[in-house]
PDB file of N, CA and C in Angstrom:
ATOM      1  N   UNK A   1      15.633 -57.330 -25.555  1.00  0.00           N
ATOM      2  CA  UNK A   1      16.733 -56.993 -24.812  1.00  0.00           C
ATOM      3  C   UNK A   1      16.649 -55.337 -24.422  1.00  0.00           C
ATOM      4  N   UNK A   2      15.995 -54.558 -25.611  1.00  0.00           N
ATOM      5  CA  UNK A   2      15.742 -53.382 -25.147  1.00  0.00           C
ATOM      6  C   UNK A   2      14.834 -52.786 -24.121  1.00  0.00           C
ATOM      7  N   UNK A   3      13.731 -53.896 -24.021  1.00  0.00           N
ATOM      8  CA  UNK A   3      12.793 -53.442 -23.165  1.00  0.00           C
ATOM      9  C   UNK A   3      13.461 -53.789 -21.720  1.00  0.00           C
ATOM     10  N   UNK A   4      14.270 -54.880 -21.316  1.00  0.00           N
ATOM     11  CA  UNK A   4      15.007 -55.096 -20.210  1.00  0.00           C
ATOM     12  C   UNK A   4      15.825 -53.888 -19.788  1.00  0.00           C
ATOM     13  N   UNK A   5      16.496 -53.319 -20.838  1.00  0.00           N
ATOM     14  CA  UNK A   5      17.365 -52.177 -20.582  1.00  0.00           C
ATOM     15  C   UNK A   5      16.529 -51.149 -20.129  1.00  0.00           C
ATOM     16  N   UNK A   6      15.366 -50.921 -20.780  1.00  0.00           N
ATOM     17  CA  UNK A   6      14.479 -49.612 -20.374  1.00  0.00           C
ATOM     18  C   UNK A   6      13.762 -49.863 -18.936  1.00  0.00           C
ATOM     19  N   UNK A   7      13.524 -51.186 -18.451  1.00  0.00           N
ATOM     20  CA  UNK A   7      13.057 -51.366 -17.208  1.00  0.00           C
ATOM     21  C   UNK A   7      13.958 -51.322 -16.108  1.00  0.00           C
ATOM     22  N   UNK A   8      15.224 -51.641 -16.368  1.00  0.00           N
ATOM     23  CA  UNK A   8      16.224 -51.803 -15.225  1.00  0.00           C
ATOM     24  C   UNK A   8      16.833 -50.373 -15.154  1.00  0.00           C
ATOM     25  N   UNK A   9      17.022 -49.574 -16.135  1.00  0.00           N
ATOM     26  CA  UNK A   9      17.605 -48.483 -16.089  1.00  0.00           C
ATOM     27  C   UNK A   9      17.306 -47.504 -14.834  1.00  0.00           C
ATOM     28  N   UNK A  10      15.961 -47.270 -14.578  1.00  0.00           N
ATOM     29  CA  UNK A  10      15.708 -46.339 -13.306  1.00  0.00           C
ATOM     30  C   UNK A  10      16.517 -46.852 -11.920  1.00  0.00           C
ATOM     31  N   UNK A  11      16.674 -48.265 -11.932  1.00  0.00           N
ATOM     32  CA  UNK A  11      17.138 -48.783 -10.904  1.00  0.00           C
ATOM     33  C   UNK A  11      18.822 -48.495 -10.706  1.00  0.00           C
ATOM     34  N   UNK A  12      19.316 -48.699 -12.007  1.00  0.00           N
ATOM     35  CA  UNK A  12      20.794 -48.640 -11.984  1.00  0.00           C
ATOM     36  C   UNK A  12      21.119 -47.032 -11.934  1.00  0.00           C
ATOM     37  N   UNK A  13      20.348 -46.109 -12.206  1.00  0.00           N
ATOM     38  CA  UNK A  13      20.619 -44.728 -12.060  1.00  0.00           C
ATOM     39  C   UNK A  13      20.146 -44.176 -10.719  1.00  0.00           C
ATOM     40  N   UNK A  14      19.654 -44.970  -9.722  1.00  0.00           N
ATOM     41  CA  UNK A  14      19.392 -44.593  -8.312  1.00  0.00           C
ATOM     42  C   UNK A  14      20.831 -44.159  -7.742  1.00  0.00           C
ATOM     43  N   UNK A  15      20.688 -43.155  -6.707  1.00  0.00           N
ATOM     44  CA  UNK A  15      21.971 -42.879  -5.956  1.00  0.00           C
ATOM     45  C   UNK A  15      22.101 -43.928  -4.995  1.00  0.00           C
ATOM     46  N   UNK A  16      23.219 -44.139  -4.841  1.00  0.00           N
ATOM     47  CA  UNK A  16      23.549 -45.459  -3.665  1.00  0.00           C
ATOM     48  C   UNK A  16      22.634 -45.418  -2.376  1.00  0.00           C
ATOM     49  N   UNK A  17      22.458 -44.303  -1.816  1.00  0.00           N
ATOM     50  CA  UNK A  17      21.566 -43.981  -0.507  1.00  0.00           C
ATOM     51  C   UNK A  17      20.097 -44.564  -0.658  1.00  0.00           C
ATOM     52  N   UNK A  18      19.712 -44.733  -2.064  1.00  0.00           N
ATOM     53  CA  UNK A  18      18.376 -45.259  -2.294  1.00  0.00           C
ATOM     54  C   UNK A  18      18.464 -46.731  -2.920  1.00  0.00           C
ATOM     55  N   UNK A  19      19.499 -47.413  -2.852  1.00  0.00           N
ATOM     56  CA  UNK A  19      19.397 -48.708  -3.210  1.00  0.00           C
ATOM     57  C   UNK A  19      19.200 -49.517  -2.012  1.00  0.00           C
ATOM     58  N   UNK A  20      18.195 -50.579  -1.932  1.00  0.00           N
ATOM     59  CA  UNK A  20      17.972 -51.169  -0.830  1.00  0.00           C
ATOM     60  C   UNK A  20      18.248 -52.672  -1.294  1.00  0.00           C
ATOM     61  N   UNK A  21      18.104 -53.674  -0.292  1.00  0.00           N
ATOM     62  CA  UNK A  21      18.566 -55.088  -0.759  1.00  0.00           C
ATOM     63  C   UNK A  21      17.742 -55.531  -1.866  1.00  0.00           C
ATOM     64  N   UNK A  22      16.450 -55.203  -1.880  1.00  0.00           N
ATOM     65  CA  UNK A  22      15.523 -55.827  -3.071  1.00  0.00           C
ATOM     66  C   UNK A  22      15.961 -55.189  -4.298  1.00  0.00           C
ATOM     67  N   UNK A  23      16.490 -54.005  -4.414  1.00  0.00           N
ATOM     68  CA  UNK A  23      16.863 -53.459  -5.775  1.00  0.00           C
ATOM     69  C   UNK A  23      18.026 -54.187  -6.165  1.00  0.00           C
ATOM     70  N   UNK A  24      19.125 -54.441  -5.227  1.00  0.00           N
ATOM     71  CA  UNK A  24      20.349 -54.883  -5.561  1.00  0.00           C
ATOM     72  C   UNK A  24      20.075 -56.499  -5.871  1.00  0.00           C
ATOM     73  N   UNK A  25      19.147 -57.034  -5.227  1.00  0.00           N
ATOM     74  CA  UNK A  25      18.885 -58.487  -5.649  1.00  0.00           C
ATOM     75  C   UNK A  25      18.405 -58.425  -6.940  1.00  0.00           C
ATOM     76  N   UNK A  26      17.442 -57.787  -7.240  1.00  0.00           N
ATOM     77  CA  UNK A  26      16.725 -57.591  -8.477  1.00  0.00           C
ATOM     78  C   UNK A  26      17.655 -57.555  -9.766  1.00  0.00           C
ATOM     79  N   UNK A  27      18.639 -56.627  -9.533  1.00  0.00           N
ATOM     80  CA  UNK A  27      19.632 -56.191 -10.291  1.00  0.00           C
ATOM     81  C   UNK A  27      20.482 -57.530 -10.677  1.00  0.00           C
ATOM     82  N   UNK A  28      20.655 -58.297  -9.701  1.00  0.00           N
ATOM     83  CA  UNK A  28      21.631 -59.382  -9.813  1.00  0.00           C
ATOM     84  C   UNK A  28      21.015 -60.627 -10.575  1.00  0.00           C
ATOM     85  N   UNK A  29      19.588 -60.597 -10.283  1.00  0.00           N
ATOM     86  CA  UNK A  29      18.769 -61.550 -11.137  1.00  0.00           C
ATOM     87  C   UNK A  29      18.700 -61.345 -12.459  1.00  0.00           C
ATOM     88  N   UNK A  30      18.414 -60.117 -12.953  1.00  0.00           N
ATOM     89  CA  UNK A  30      18.622 -59.626 -14.175  1.00  0.00           C
ATOM     90  C   UNK A  30      19.745 -59.817 -15.053  1.00  0.00           C
ATOM     91  N   UNK A  31      20.744 -59.774 -14.214  1.00  0.00           N
ATOM     92  CA  UNK A  31      22.125 -60.047 -14.788  1.00  0.00           C
ATOM     93  C   UNK A  31      22.371 -61.627 -15.123  1.00  0.00           C
ATOM     94  N   UNK A  32      21.961 -62.515 -14.100  1.00  0.00           N
ATOM     95  CA  UNK A  32      22.005 -63.846 -14.295  1.00  0.00           C
ATOM     96  C   UNK A  32      21.289 -64.263 -15.317  1.00  0.00           C
ATOM     97  N   UNK A  33      19.858 -63.705 -15.464  1.00  0.00           N
ATOM     98  CA  UNK A  33      19.043 -63.993 -16.623  1.00  0.00           C
ATOM     99  C   UNK A  33      19.521 -63.691 -18.065  1.00  0.00           C
ATOM    100  N   UNK A  34      20.239 -62.617 -18.071  1.00  0.00           N
ATOM    101  CA  UNK A  34      20.851 -62.262 -19.509  1.00  0.00           C
ATOM    102  C   UNK A  34      22.050 -62.960 -19.745  1.00  0.00           C
ATOM    103  N   UNK A  35      22.790 -63.631 -18.471  1.00  0.00           N
ATOM    104  CA  UNK A  35      23.982 -64.449 -18.878  1.00  0.00           C
ATOM    105  C   UNK A  35      23.364 -65.801 -19.404  1.00  0.00           C
ATOM    106  N   UNK A  36      22.200 -66.359 -18.927  1.00  0.00           N
ATOM    107  CA  UNK A  36      21.813 -67.627 -19.471  1.00  0.00           C
ATOM    108  C   UNK A  36      20.934 -67.455 -20.685  1.00  0.00           C
ATOM    109  N   UNK A  37      20.443 -66.294 -21.001  1.00  0.00           N
ATOM    110  CA  UNK A  37      19.494 -66.238 -22.190  1.00  0.00           C
ATOM    111  C   UNK A  37      20.012 -66.448 -23.450  1.00  0.00           C
ATOM    112  N   UNK A  38      19.226 -66.894 -24.475  1.00  0.00           N
ATOM    113  CA  UNK A  38      19.691 -67.162 -25.834  1.00  0.00           C
ATOM    114  C   UNK A  38      20.358 -65.853 -26.508  1.00  0.00           C
ATOM    115  N   UNK A  39      19.849 -64.660 -26.002  1.00  0.00           N
ATOM    116  CA  UNK A  39      20.363 -63.448 -26.349  1.00  0.00           C
ATOM    117  C   UNK A  39      21.466 -62.903 -25.720  1.00  0.00           C
ATOM    118  N   UNK A  40      22.210 -63.772 -24.966  1.00  0.00           N
ATOM    119  CA  UNK A  40      23.378 -63.351 -24.212  1.00  0.00           C
ATOM    120  C   UNK A  40      24.499 -62.685 -24.799  1.00  0.00           C
ATOM    121  N   UNK A  41      24.490 -62.967 -26.184  1.00  0.00           N
ATOM    122  CA  UNK A  41      25.515 -62.268 -27.029  1.00  0.00           C
ATOM    123  C   UNK A  41      25.298 -61.184 -27.706  1.00  0.00           C
ATOM    124  N   UNK A  42      24.099 -60.789 -27.671  1.00  0.00           N
ATOM    125  CA  UNK A  42      23.604 -59.490 -28.201  1.00  0.00           C
ATOM    126  C   UNK A  42      24.238 -58.376 -27.395  1.00  0.00           C
ATOM    127  N   UNK A  43      24.855 -57.272 -28.250  1.00  0.00           N
ATOM    128  CA  UNK A  43      25.533 -56.258 -27.807  1.00  0.00           C
ATOM    129  C   UNK A  43      24.687 -55.568 -26.595  1.00  0.00           C
ATOM    130  N   UNK A  44      23.351 -55.349 -26.682  1.00  0.00           N
ATOM    131  CA  UNK A  44      22.641 -54.610 -25.611  1.00  0.00           C
ATOM    132  C   UNK A  44      22.675 -55.799 -24.293  1.00  0.00           C
ATOM    133  N   UNK A  45      22.624 -56.757 -24.361  1.00  0.00           N
ATOM    134  CA  UNK A  45      22.755 -57.819 -23.353  1.00  0.00           C
ATOM    135  C   UNK A  45      24.054 -57.747 -22.648  1.00  0.00           C
ATOM    136  N   UNK A  46      25.217 -57.731 -23.463  1.00  0.00           N
ATOM    137  CA  UNK A  46      26.591 -57.824 -22.850  1.00  0.00           C
ATOM    138  C   UNK A  46      26.775 -56.397 -22.249  1.00  0.00           C
ATOM    139  N   UNK A  47      26.329 -55.226 -22.836  1.00  0.00           N
ATOM    140  CA  UNK A  47      26.365 -54.135 -22.140  1.00  0.00           C
ATOM    141  C   UNK A  47      25.843 -53.878 -20.822  1.00  0.00           C
ATOM    142  N   UNK A  48      24.589 -54.448 -20.706  1.00  0.00           N
ATOM    143  CA  UNK A  48      23.789 -54.359 -19.577  1.00  0.00           C
ATOM    144  C   UNK A  48      24.253 -55.154 -18.464  1.00  0.00           C
ATOM    145  N   UNK A  49      24.934 -56.354 -18.762  1.00  0.00           N
ATOM    146  CA  UNK A  49      25.459 -57.283 -17.807  1.00  0.00           C
ATOM    147  C   UNK A  49      26.556 -56.652 -17.285  1.00  0.00           C
ATOM    148  N   UNK A  50      27.472 -55.878 -17.937  1.00  0.00           N
ATOM    149  CA  UNK A  50      28.539 -55.319 -17.626  1.00  0.00           C
ATOM    150  C   UNK A  50      28.237 -54.312 -16.738  1.00  0.00           C
ATOM    151  N   UNK A  51      27.409 -53.472 -17.191  1.00  0.00           N
ATOM    152  CA  UNK A  51      26.799 -52.253 -16.070  1.00  0.00           C
ATOM    153  C   UNK A  51      26.405 -52.914 -14.795  1.00  0.00           C
ATOM    154  N   UNK A  52      25.473 -53.882 -15.011  1.00  0.00           N
ATOM    155  CA  UNK A  52      25.128 -54.304 -13.453  1.00  0.00           C
ATOM    156  C   UNK A  52      26.391 -54.830 -12.781  1.00  0.00           C
ATOM    157  N   UNK A  53      27.315 -55.586 -13.502  1.00  0.00           N
ATOM    158  CA  UNK A  53      28.370 -56.124 -12.770  1.00  0.00           C
ATOM    159  C   UNK A  53      28.998 -54.984 -11.973  1.00  0.00           C
ATOM    160  N   UNK A  54      29.256 -53.808 -12.463  1.00  0.00           N
ATOM    161  CA  UNK A  54      29.878 -52.803 -11.806  1.00  0.00           C
ATOM    162  C   UNK A  54      28.984 -52.094 -10.719  1.00  0.00           C
ATOM    163  N   UNK A  55      27.638 -52.433 -10.733  1.00  0.00           N
ATOM    164  CA  UNK A  55      26.759 -51.953  -9.808  1.00  0.00           C
ATOM    165  C   UNK A  55      27.086 -52.026  -8.423  1.00  0.00           C
ATOM    166  N   UNK A  56      27.373 -51.168  -7.546  1.00  0.00           N
ATOM    167  CA  UNK A  56      27.844 -51.457  -6.274  1.00  0.00           C
ATOM    168  C   UNK A  56      26.701 -52.425  -5.380  1.00  0.00           C
ATOM    169  N   UNK A  57      27.405 -53.482  -4.815  1.00  0.00           N
ATOM    170  CA  UNK A  57      26.516 -54.369  -4.263  1.00  0.00           C
ATOM    171  C   UNK A  57      26.007 -53.862  -2.847  1.00  0.00           C
ATOM    172  N   UNK A  58      26.652 -52.791  -2.345  1.00  0.00           N
ATOM    173  CA  UNK A  58      25.923 -52.489  -1.183  1.00  0.00           C
ATOM    174  C   UNK A  58      25.924 -50.982  -1.050  1.00  0.00           C
ATOM    175  N   UNK A  59      24.771 -50.378  -0.374  1.00  0.00           N
ATOM    176  CA  UNK A  59      24.704 -49.000  -0.203  1.00  0.00           C
ATOM    177  C   UNK A  59      25.644 -48.668   1.242  1.00  0.00           C
ATOM    178  N   UNK A  60      26.046 -47.546   1.402  1.00  0.00           N
ATOM    179  CA  UNK A  60      26.845 -47.110   2.515  1.00  0.00           C
ATOM    180  C   UNK A  60      25.901 -47.062   3.645  1.00  0.00           C
ATOM    181  N   UNK A  61      26.326 -47.123   4.598  1.00  0.00           N
ATOM    182  CA  UNK A  61      25.720 -47.304   5.979  1.00  0.00           C
ATOM    183  C   UNK A  61      25.162 -46.036   6.382  1.00  0.00           C
ATOM    184  N   UNK A  62      24.115 -45.866   6.853  1.00  0.00           N
ATOM    185  CA  UNK A  62      23.395 -44.358   7.333  1.00  0.00           C
ATOM    186  C   UNK A  62      24.245 -44.047   8.548  1.00  0.00           C
ATOM    187  N   UNK A  63      24.475 -42.706   8.495  1.00  0.00           N
ATOM    188  CA  UNK A  63      25.336 -42.089   9.620  1.00  0.00           C
ATOM    189  C   UNK A  63      24.505 -42.400  10.993  1.00  0.00           C
ATOM    190  N   UNK A  64      25.319 -42.576  12.040  1.00  0.00           N
ATOM    191  CA  UNK A  64      25.029 -42.937  13.255  1.00  0.00           C
ATOM    192  C   UNK A  64      25.138 -41.587  13.934  1.00  0.00           C
ATOM    193  N   UNK A  65      24.079 -41.355  14.823  1.00  0.00           N
ATOM    194  CA  UNK A  65      24.100 -40.162  15.693  1.00  0.00           C
ATOM    195  C   UNK A  65      25.052 -40.200  16.753  1.00  0.00           C
ATOM    196  N   UNK A  66      25.884 -39.398  17.351  1.00  0.00           N
ATOM    197  CA  UNK A  66      26.810 -39.520  18.261  1.00  0.00           C
ATOM    198  C   UNK A  66      26.014 -39.876  19.737  1.00  0.00           C
ATOM    199  N   UNK A  67      26.546 -40.664  20.316  1.00  0.00           N
ATOM    200  CA  UNK A  67      25.863 -41.158  21.739  1.00  0.00           C
ATOM    201  C   UNK A  67      26.177 -40.113  22.735  1.00  0.00           C
ATOM    202  N   UNK A  68      25.187 -39.862  23.755  1.00  0.00           N
ATOM    203  CA  UNK A  68      25.245 -38.859  24.689  1.00  0.00           C
ATOM    204  C   UNK A  68      25.587 -39.683  25.988  1.00  0.00           C
TER     205      UNK A  68
END
């Protein structure tokens, strides 16, 4: 569990503007794996699942330039 937390930490720490669909999907896959793992009741697994669950599912849109 500690290893999983160390690996996903950089993704969770990214500013929203740097989160792409691949990062978001990967985070959700880790959350699902933690939920079905035998270690799902471990404190680290529960904390990590909770942190991923509040991870914003989408980044905000890029600003569009005004039309001329």
